[in-house]
Protein backbone atom coordinates (compact mmCIF):
# COMPACT_ATOMS: atom_id res chain seq x y z
CA UNK A 1 0.24 -0.12 -0.16
CA UNK A 2 1.20 3.68 -0.70
CA UNK A 3 2.19 5.88 2.10
CA UNK A 4 -0.45 7.63 3.13
CA UNK A 5 -0.93 11.45 3.56
CA UNK A 6 -2.91 12.76 7.02
CA UNK A 7 -5.83 15.04 6.51
CA UNK A 8 -8.22 16.38 9.67
CA UNK A 9 -11.09 16.51 7.60
CA UNK A 10 -11.83 14.35 4.90
CA UNK A 11 -14.69 14.85 2.13
CA UNK A 12 -15.86 12.42 -0.05
CA UNK A 13 -17.99 13.94 -2.27
CA UNK A 14 -17.61 17.41 -4.15
CA UNK A 15 -21.31 18.88 -4.27
CA UNK A 16 -23.79 20.85 -2.41
CA UNK A 17 -23.24 18.61 0.92
CA UNK A 18 -19.78 18.28 0.75
CA UNK A 19 -19.33 22.00 -0.22
CA UNK A 20 -21.66 23.02 2.97
CA UNK A 21 -19.83 20.96 5.35
CA UNK A 22 -16.41 22.61 3.84
CA UNK A 23 -17.92 25.95 4.51
CA UNK A 24 -18.96 25.23 7.96
CA UNK A 25 -15.92 23.76 9.05
CA UNK A 26 -13.91 26.45 7.62
CA UNK A 27 -15.95 28.88 9.88
CA UNK A 28 -14.71 27.18 13.04
CA UNK A 29 -11.18 25.83 11.94
CA UNK A 30 -9.52 28.04 9.65
CA UNK A 31 -6.20 26.07 9.57
CA UNK A 32 -7.21 22.27 10.08
CA UNK A 33 -6.07 20.31 6.94
CA UNK A 34 -9.27 19.92 4.73
CA UNK A 35 -9.52 17.54 1.79
CA UNK A 36 -12.21 17.09 -0.40
CA UNK A 37 -11.89 14.11 -3.10
CA UNK A 38 -14.27 13.61 -6.02
CA UNK A 39 -14.27 11.31 -9.02
CA UNK A 40 -15.43 14.09 -11.12
CA UNK A 41 -12.53 16.13 -12.55
CA UNK A 42 -14.54 19.57 -12.24
CA UNK A 43 -14.78 22.24 -9.60
CA UNK A 44 -18.12 22.28 -7.89
CA UNK A 45 -20.85 22.77 -10.11
CA UNK A 46 -24.77 22.60 -9.82
CA UNK A 47 -26.14 19.37 -10.92
CA UNK A 48 -29.62 21.11 -11.80
CA UNK A 49 -27.92 22.81 -14.55
CA UNK A 50 -26.59 20.28 -16.58
CA UNK A 51 -30.01 20.71 -18.79
CA UNK A 52 -28.91 24.16 -19.32
CA UNK A 53 -25.32 23.18 -20.21
CA UNK A 54 -26.93 20.29 -22.97
CA UNK A 55 -29.97 22.32 -24.17
CA UNK A 56 -28.53 26.25 -24.06
CA UNK A 57 -24.52 25.69 -24.11
CA UNK A 58 -23.88 26.72 -20.84
CA UNK A 59 -20.29 26.67 -20.47
CA UNK A 60 -18.70 25.52 -17.33
CA UNK A 61 -18.16 28.71 -15.68
CA UNK A 62 -22.12 29.35 -15.81
CA UNK A 63 -23.10 26.54 -13.99
CA UNK A 64 -20.28 26.61 -11.25
CA UNK A 65 -21.92 26.18 -7.88
CA UNK A 66 -18.72 28.20 -6.03
CA UNK A 67 -16.14 30.71 -8.29
CA UNK A 68 -12.98 28.73 -9.29
CA UNK A 69 -10.62 30.33 -6.35
CA UNK A 70 -13.12 29.11 -3.68
CA UNK A 71 -10.75 25.82 -2.56
CA UNK A 72 -7.60 28.13 -2.73
CA UNK A 73 -9.62 31.04 -0.81
CA UNK A 74 -10.89 28.59 1.75
CA UNK A 75 -7.12 26.77 2.15
CA UNK A 76 -9.01 23.29 1.09
CA UNK A 77 -6.87 20.57 -0.73
CA UNK A 78 -8.69 18.71 -3.65
CA UNK A 79 -7.86 15.32 -5.32
CA UNK A 80 -10.47 15.64 -8.21
CA UNK A 81 -10.85 12.96 -10.92
CA UNK A 82 -9.66 9.86 -8.77
CA UNK A 83 -12.15 7.62 -7.17
CA UNK A 84 -12.23 6.30 -3.54
CA UNK A 85 -12.35 2.40 -3.90
CA UNK A 86 -12.46 1.69 -0.43
CA UNK A 87 -12.29 2.98 3.12
CA UNK A 88 -11.08 1.30 6.54
CA UNK A 89 -13.12 2.66 9.42
CA UNK A 90 -10.92 1.28 11.81
CA UNK A 91 -7.55 2.61 10.74
CA UNK A 92 -9.18 5.73 9.42
CA UNK A 93 -7.78 5.43 6.21
CA UNK A 94 -9.35 5.50 2.76
CA UNK A 95 -7.75 4.35 -0.64
CA UNK A 96 -8.18 6.21 -3.99
CA UNK A 97 -8.12 4.51 -7.59
CA UNK A 98 -4.56 5.96 -8.37
CA UNK A 99 -3.45 3.96 -5.34
CA UNK A 100 -2.96 7.15 -3.33
CA UNK A 101 -3.96 6.65 0.57
CA UNK A 102 -5.48 9.19 2.98
CA UNK A 103 -5.57 9.20 6.59
CA UNK A 104 -8.18 11.25 8.19
CA UNK A 105 -9.45 12.29 11.65
CA UNK A 106 -13.16 13.25 11.04
CA UNK A 107 -14.85 11.65 7.31
CA UNK A 108 -17.80 13.10 5.59
CA UNK A 109 -19.44 10.56 3.22
CA UNK A 110 -21.06 13.10 0.70
CA UNK A 111 -21.09 10.45 -2.53
CA UNK A 112 -24.32 11.22 -3.58
CA UNK A 113 -26.73 8.70 -5.49
CA UNK A 114 -26.05 6.59 -8.76
CA UNK A 115 -28.59 6.56 -11.51
CA UNK A 116 -30.96 3.50 -11.53
CA UNK A 117 -30.13 1.23 -14.34
CA UNK A 118 -32.92 -1.47 -14.81
CA UNK A 119 -31.82 -4.91 -16.26
CA UNK A 120 -33.01 -4.75 -19.95
CA UNK A 121 -31.50 -6.16 -22.94
CA UNK A 122 -29.72 -3.26 -25.11
CA UNK A 123 -28.42 -1.09 -22.46
CA UNK A 124 -24.87 -1.78 -23.88
CA UNK A 125 -25.49 -0.19 -26.97
CA UNK A 126 -23.99 3.17 -28.30
CA UNK A 127 -26.89 5.96 -27.41
CA UNK A 128 -27.89 4.53 -24.49
CA UNK A 129 -27.29 7.40 -21.32
CA UNK A 130 -27.90 8.28 -17.89
CA UNK A 131 -28.46 11.99 -17.12
CA UNK A 132 -27.05 12.76 -13.96
CA UNK A 133 -23.92 14.82 -14.30
CA UNK A 134 -21.84 17.06 -16.23
CA UNK A 135 -20.04 14.05 -17.76
CA UNK A 136 -23.28 12.56 -18.74
CA UNK A 137 -24.43 15.81 -20.36
CA UNK A 138 -20.83 15.84 -22.30
CA UNK A 139 -21.22 12.48 -23.63
CA UNK A 140 -24.70 12.91 -25.14
CA UNK A 141 -23.99 16.33 -26.34
CA UNK A 142 -21.27 14.49 -28.32
CA UNK A 143 -23.24 11.97 -29.70
CA UNK A 144 -25.67 14.43 -31.08
CA UNK A 145 -22.98 16.09 -32.88
CA UNK A 146 -22.34 13.41 -34.93
CA UNK A 147 -25.36 13.71 -36.84
CA UNK A 148 -26.84 16.44 -39.14
CA UNK A 149 -30.18 14.93 -39.46
CA UNK A 150 -33.14 15.42 -36.92
CA UNK A 151 -32.89 12.76 -34.06
CA UNK A 152 -35.15 11.01 -31.79
CA UNK A 153 -35.01 10.37 -28.17
CA UNK A 154 -36.70 8.33 -25.80
CA UNK A 155 -36.49 9.24 -22.06
CA UNK A 156 -37.40 6.42 -19.66
CA UNK A 157 -38.69 8.02 -16.70
CA UNK A 158 -41.39 11.33 -16.26
CA UNK A 159 -39.63 12.14 -13.00
CA UNK A 160 -37.58 15.47 -12.11
CA UNK A 161 -34.61 13.98 -14.19
CA UNK A 162 -36.54 13.06 -17.13
CA UNK A 163 -38.54 16.20 -17.69
CA UNK A 164 -35.46 18.37 -17.17
CA UNK A 165 -33.56 16.05 -19.96
CA UNK A 166 -36.71 16.46 -21.98
CA UNK A 167 -36.32 20.46 -21.93
CA UNK A 168 -32.84 20.45 -22.89
CA UNK A 169 -33.39 18.01 -25.75
CA UNK A 170 -36.49 20.38 -27.21
CA UNK A 171 -33.64 23.49 -27.24
CA UNK A 172 -31.55 21.08 -29.36
CA UNK A 173 -34.50 20.11 -32.10
CA UNK A 174 -34.52 16.55 -31.06
CA UNK A 175 -37.63 14.68 -31.10
CA UNK A 176 -38.84 13.41 -27.87
CA UNK A 177 -40.89 10.57 -26.24
CA UNK A 178 -41.20 10.42 -22.60
CA UNK A 179 -42.27 7.00 -21.11
CA UNK A 180 -43.34 6.91 -17.60
CA UNK A 181 -44.14 3.54 -15.97
CA UNK A 182 -46.95 5.21 -13.47
CA UNK A 183 -50.19 6.53 -14.47
CA UNK A 184 -48.80 10.40 -14.82
CA UNK A 185 -45.56 12.41 -14.93
CA UNK A 186 -43.96 13.88 -11.72
CA UNK A 187 -45.64 11.65 -9.72
CA UNK A 188 -44.07 11.83 -6.79
CA UNK A 189 -43.97 15.72 -6.65
CA UNK A 190 -47.15 16.63 -7.72
CA UNK A 191 -50.96 15.87 -7.25
CA UNK A 192 -52.92 14.75 -10.37
CA UNK A 193 -54.33 18.16 -11.08
CA UNK A 194 -50.48 19.82 -11.05
CA UNK A 195 -49.17 16.90 -13.21
CA UNK A 196 -51.91 17.29 -15.71
CA UNK A 197 -50.86 20.79 -15.92
CA UNK A 198 -47.30 19.94 -16.37
CA UNK A 199 -47.77 17.21 -19.25
CA UNK A 200 -49.97 19.70 -20.98
CA UNK A 201 -47.03 22.08 -21.21
CA UNK A 202 -45.03 19.23 -22.32
CA UNK A 203 -47.22 18.20 -25.32
CA UNK A 204 -47.68 21.83 -26.22
CA UNK A 205 -43.54 21.50 -26.89
CA UNK A 206 -44.33 18.68 -29.23
CA UNK A 207 -43.20 16.07 -26.65
CA UNK A 208 -45.27 12.55 -26.50
CA UNK A 209 -45.85 11.36 -23.05
CA UNK A 210 -46.55 7.66 -22.79
CA UNK A 211 -47.91 6.67 -19.38
CA UNK A 212 -48.71 3.37 -17.94
CA UNK A 213 -46.00 1.50 -19.98
CA UNK A 214 -42.50 0.26 -19.43
CA UNK A 215 -39.66 -0.47 -21.98
CA UNK A 216 -38.64 -3.67 -21.93
CA UNK A 217 -35.73 -3.78 -24.90
CA UNK A 218 -33.68 -1.31 -26.69
CA UNK A 219 -33.28 -2.38 -29.88
CA UNK A 220 -30.17 -1.77 -32.40
CA UNK A 221 -29.60 -1.31 -36.07
CA UNK A 222 -26.76 -3.37 -37.86
CA UNK A 223 -24.10 -0.82 -36.96
CA UNK A 224 -24.90 -1.60 -33.29
CA UNK A 225 -26.26 1.95 -32.32
CA UNK A 226 -29.77 2.43 -30.85
CA UNK A 227 -32.69 2.12 -33.13
CA UNK A 228 -35.65 1.96 -31.05
CA UNK A 229 -37.24 0.69 -27.73
CA UNK A 230 -40.06 -1.90 -27.33
CA UNK A 231 -42.47 -1.41 -24.57
CA UNK A 232 -44.26 -4.00 -22.63
CA UNK A 233 -47.62 -3.63 -24.35
CA UNK A 234 -46.07 -4.56 -27.71
CA UNK A 235 -45.32 -1.23 -28.99
CA UNK A 236 -42.25 -0.24 -30.63
CA UNK A 237 -40.93 3.27 -30.69
CA UNK A 238 -38.21 4.10 -33.55
CA UNK A 239 -35.66 6.55 -31.87
CA UNK A 240 -31.75 7.36 -32.09
CA UNK A 241 -30.72 7.70 -28.27
CA UNK A 242 -32.13 6.28 -25.00
CA UNK A 243 -32.07 8.33 -21.70
CA UNK A 244 -32.30 6.34 -18.71
CA UNK A 245 -34.33 8.88 -16.24
CA UNK A 246 -35.81 6.73 -13.69
CA UNK A 247 -34.06 8.13 -10.51
CA UNK A 248 -30.86 7.66 -8.42
CA UNK A 249 -30.20 5.23 -5.53
CA UNK A 250 -27.87 6.10 -2.77
CA UNK A 251 -24.07 5.59 -3.37
CA UNK A 252 -23.68 3.25 -0.18
CA UNK A 253 -20.57 1.07 -1.48
CA UNK A 254 -17.78 2.34 0.57
CA UNK A 255 -19.92 1.34 3.85
CA UNK A 256 -21.02 -2.30 2.49
CA UNK A 257 -19.79 -5.04 4.94
CA UNK A 258 -18.80 -1.90 7.47
CA UNK A 259 -20.00 -1.21 10.83
CA UNK A 260 -21.79 2.02 9.34
CA UNK A 261 -25.50 1.11 9.39
CA UNK A 262 -27.56 1.31 6.76
CA UNK A 263 -31.30 0.99 5.86
CA UNK A 264 -32.21 2.55 2.08
CA UNK A 265 -29.24 4.92 2.84
CA UNK A 266 -26.48 5.66 5.52
CA UNK A 267 -28.44 6.07 8.83
CA UNK A 268 -27.50 9.59 10.81
CA UNK A 269 -28.48 11.04 13.82
CA UNK A 270 -29.52 14.80 14.02
CA UNK A 271 -25.64 15.63 14.27
CA UNK A 272 -25.34 13.74 10.86
CA UNK A 273 -23.00 11.26 12.20
CA UNK A 274 -23.52 7.51 11.36
CA UNK A 275 -23.56 4.69 13.53
CA UNK A 276 -19.42 4.82 13.53
CA UNK A 277 -18.01 7.78 15.72
CA UNK A 278 -16.38 10.48 13.25
CA UNK A 279 -18.15 9.34 10.34
CA UNK A 280 -20.58 11.62 9.02
CA UNK A 281 -22.74 11.66 5.83
CA UNK A 282 -25.06 13.99 4.10
CA UNK A 283 -26.92 14.66 0.79
CA UNK A 284 -28.85 11.89 -1.44
CA UNK A 285 -26.40 8.94 0.29
CA UNK A 286 -27.92 10.08 3.67
CA UNK A 287 -30.73 8.70 5.62
CA UNK A 288 -31.68 11.93 7.64
CA UNK A 289 -34.30 13.22 9.48
CA UNK A 290 -37.70 14.50 7.71
CA UNK A 291 -39.84 16.72 9.71
CA UNK A 292 -42.94 16.10 8.08
CA UNK A 293 -43.00 12.43 8.86
CA UNK A 294 -40.80 12.68 12.14
CA UNK A 295 -38.38 9.86 10.96
CA UNK A 296 -35.16 9.01 8.68
CA UNK A 297 -36.29 9.43 5.29
CA UNK A 298 -34.07 9.70 1.76
CA UNK A 299 -34.62 13.23 0.55
CA UNK A 300 -32.49 13.58 -2.13
CA UNK A 301 -32.70 17.54 -2.90
CA UNK A 302 -30.38 20.30 -3.10
CA UNK A 303 -31.44 22.11 -0.04
CA UNK A 304 -31.36 19.31 2.37
CA UNK A 305 -27.64 18.34 1.03
CA UNK A 306 -26.26 21.40 2.01
CA UNK A 307 -27.91 22.19 4.96
CA UNK A 308 -27.32 18.78 6.10
CA UNK A 309 -23.32 19.21 5.16
CA UNK A 310 -23.11 22.34 7.16
CA UNK A 311 -24.47 20.27 10.18
CA UNK A 312 -21.86 17.94 9.83
CA UNK A 313 -19.28 20.41 9.25
CA UNK A 314 -19.92 22.03 12.31
CA UNK A 315 -20.36 18.78 14.47
CA UNK A 316 -17.10 17.50 12.64
CA UNK A 317 -15.08 20.88 13.88
CA UNK A 318 -16.38 20.43 17.34
CA UNK A 319 -18.91 22.85 17.16
CA UNK A 320 -22.31 21.36 18.31
CA UNK A 321 -25.34 21.62 16.05
CA UNK A 322 -28.37 19.80 15.31
CA UNK A 323 -30.00 19.37 11.61
CA UNK A 324 -33.08 20.85 11.75
CA UNK A 325 -34.89 18.29 9.16
CA UNK A 326 -35.32 18.33 5.92
CA UNK A 327 -38.22 17.50 3.62
CA UNK A 328 -38.95 16.78 -0.10
CA UNK A 329 -38.75 20.16 -1.81
CA UNK A 330 -38.45 21.08 -5.42
CA UNK A 331 -38.48 24.52 -7.21
CA UNK A 332 -38.40 24.19 -11.02
CA UNK A 333 -39.17 26.10 -14.00
CA UNK A 334 -39.55 23.77 -17.40
CA UNK A 335 -41.50 24.57 -20.45
CA UNK A 336 -42.57 28.03 -18.90
CA UNK A 337 -43.96 26.81 -15.57
CA UNK A 338 -42.84 27.93 -12.08
CA UNK A 339 -43.54 25.12 -10.04
CA UNK A 340 -42.52 24.46 -5.96
CA UNK A 341 -43.88 21.45 -4.36
CA UNK A 342 -42.85 20.57 -0.66
CA UNK A 343 -44.13 17.78 1.62
CA UNK A 344 -47.17 15.53 1.09
CA UNK A 345 -48.96 16.76 -1.95
CA UNK A 346 -51.19 13.77 -2.25
CA UNK A 347 -52.96 13.08 1.22
CA UNK A 348 -53.03 9.60 1.65
CA UNK A 349 -56.58 9.50 3.78
CA UNK A 350 -59.13 11.87 5.20
CA UNK A 351 -57.61 13.09 8.10
CA UNK A 352 -55.83 15.53 6.05
CA UNK A 353 -57.70 18.82 4.68
CA UNK A 354 -56.36 20.53 1.61
CA UNK A 355 -56.89 24.20 0.81
CA UNK A 356 -57.15 24.46 -3.41
CA UNK A 357 -57.25 27.33 -5.33
CA UNK A 358 -56.93 27.23 -9.38
CA UNK A 359 -57.84 30.18 -11.66
CA UNK A 360 -56.03 31.41 -15.28
CA UNK A 361 -53.19 28.69 -15.10
CA UNK A 362 -52.59 29.42 -11.68
CA UNK A 363 -52.89 26.61 -9.00
CA UNK A 364 -52.23 26.63 -5.20
CA UNK A 365 -52.51 23.86 -2.98
CA UNK A 366 -51.89 23.66 1.10
CA UNK A 367 -52.14 20.40 2.66
CA UNK A 368 -52.87 20.42 6.44
CA UNK A 369 -53.05 17.76 9.23
CA UNK A 370 -54.73 18.68 12.63
CA UNK A 371 -54.00 22.48 11.81
CA UNK A 372 -50.02 21.78 10.73
CA UNK A 373 -49.12 22.50 7.31
CA UNK A 374 -47.52 18.99 6.04
CA UNK A 375 -47.50 20.01 2.24
CA UNK A 376 -47.84 22.66 -0.80
CA UNK A 377 -47.82 23.09 -4.23
CA UNK A 378 -47.58 26.57 -6.32
CA UNK A 379 -47.63 26.88 -9.97
CA UNK A 380 -47.31 29.74 -11.62
CA UNK A 381 -47.54 32.40 -9.06
CA UNK A 382 -44.98 30.95 -6.39
CA UNK A 383 -44.83 34.36 -4.08
CA UNK A 384 -46.14 32.89 -1.19
CA UNK A 385 -44.50 29.54 -1.21
CA UNK A 386 -41.45 30.72 0.60
CA UNK A 387 -43.89 31.96 3.75
CA UNK A 388 -45.90 28.85 3.62
CA UNK A 389 -42.75 26.54 3.67
CA UNK A 390 -41.57 28.48 6.68
CA UNK A 391 -44.80 27.94 8.55
CA UNK A 392 -44.59 24.26 7.33
CA UNK A 393 -40.84 23.96 8.53
CA UNK A 394 -41.68 25.90 12.08
CA UNK A 395 -45.06 23.49 12.53
CA UNK A 396 -46.80 26.40 13.50
CA UNK A 397 -50.82 25.67 13.80
CA UNK A 398 -52.60 27.75 10.90
CA UNK A 399 -55.92 26.05 11.63
CA UNK A 400 -57.50 29.58 10.88
CA UNK A 401 -55.40 29.65 7.70
CA UNK A 402 -57.54 29.80 4.39
CA UNK A 403 -55.63 32.09 1.84
CA UNK A 404 -53.47 29.90 -0.31
């Protein structure tokens, strides 16, 4: 094994959670050795903006999450483009693909999520992509540039990733079909009414939406490139590329077989510390406190990753801090629609109340239980969404609240 280099704080992951932790650490400890390791070669960028990179040609500098001098300004060492292949939690070491070994005192796992890739014939063909990081967008861009004719894409998955990819492809003049196995798009974020409004916007942009169906095979042409897909209902759809946008799952490979306890993700307490002392986790990989459900859940959204990272960083640096909790929260603008959703948007039973307002393309909905806001939806008039979210987060009783 190569000689190890010592760092006081080791952060594996260079996205929202890792940056939140690094900033919090530096607020408390300005000199302790701090190292960020990432398998991506880029400085930290905003993942939600990869659709702008692909669709509108945004350069890297336009989608950066922090300025390029962020690391030097904050006395942070970086190891970019090198993957951590294993962690010894007893010896406090991390081994990298390059053979380098880093020893650490405090560790943050901010490894994020990995694209869900179903078992399906034809996934190894040229023209099949995922869409969760900048390199994915670069690969798709390179593929599109091979052709001078109009292309067609099938996007498997009608959630946030799929809709984001669809908007990017519209700017590239690509014909688009979205295949969603459930009965409506964005079904985990929106209620049926809001889903229908978003679907109408997609169809208005010329996008075909196929719901209630599953792709079972990607078909090829004689050259080994994508030629189409086959659905479980017997329908074949011709296309030139396929994008897998089913979702992401926590990247927990580095804790498999260790004493770090997991459920769907890495289980953490309110300090964002795992079951192993001095090992913390945040972001998509962490199963952290959800204040709506009152239990640890996966909430893979950017604001929660950053806040969880800050909490972890403060505790790593010796300043006690408690994660206030997060919940599903999404703010988006696709196909001309401003949308904010949070918490429970589809009440599971009659013990919940909903206040709904809909007029002139505006849709507002607030869901309560026993006078406490547990969910909200705002479309095309989102001015009040921040206030309502804060009431929801503060668990204020709004029994007399009527105006959404």
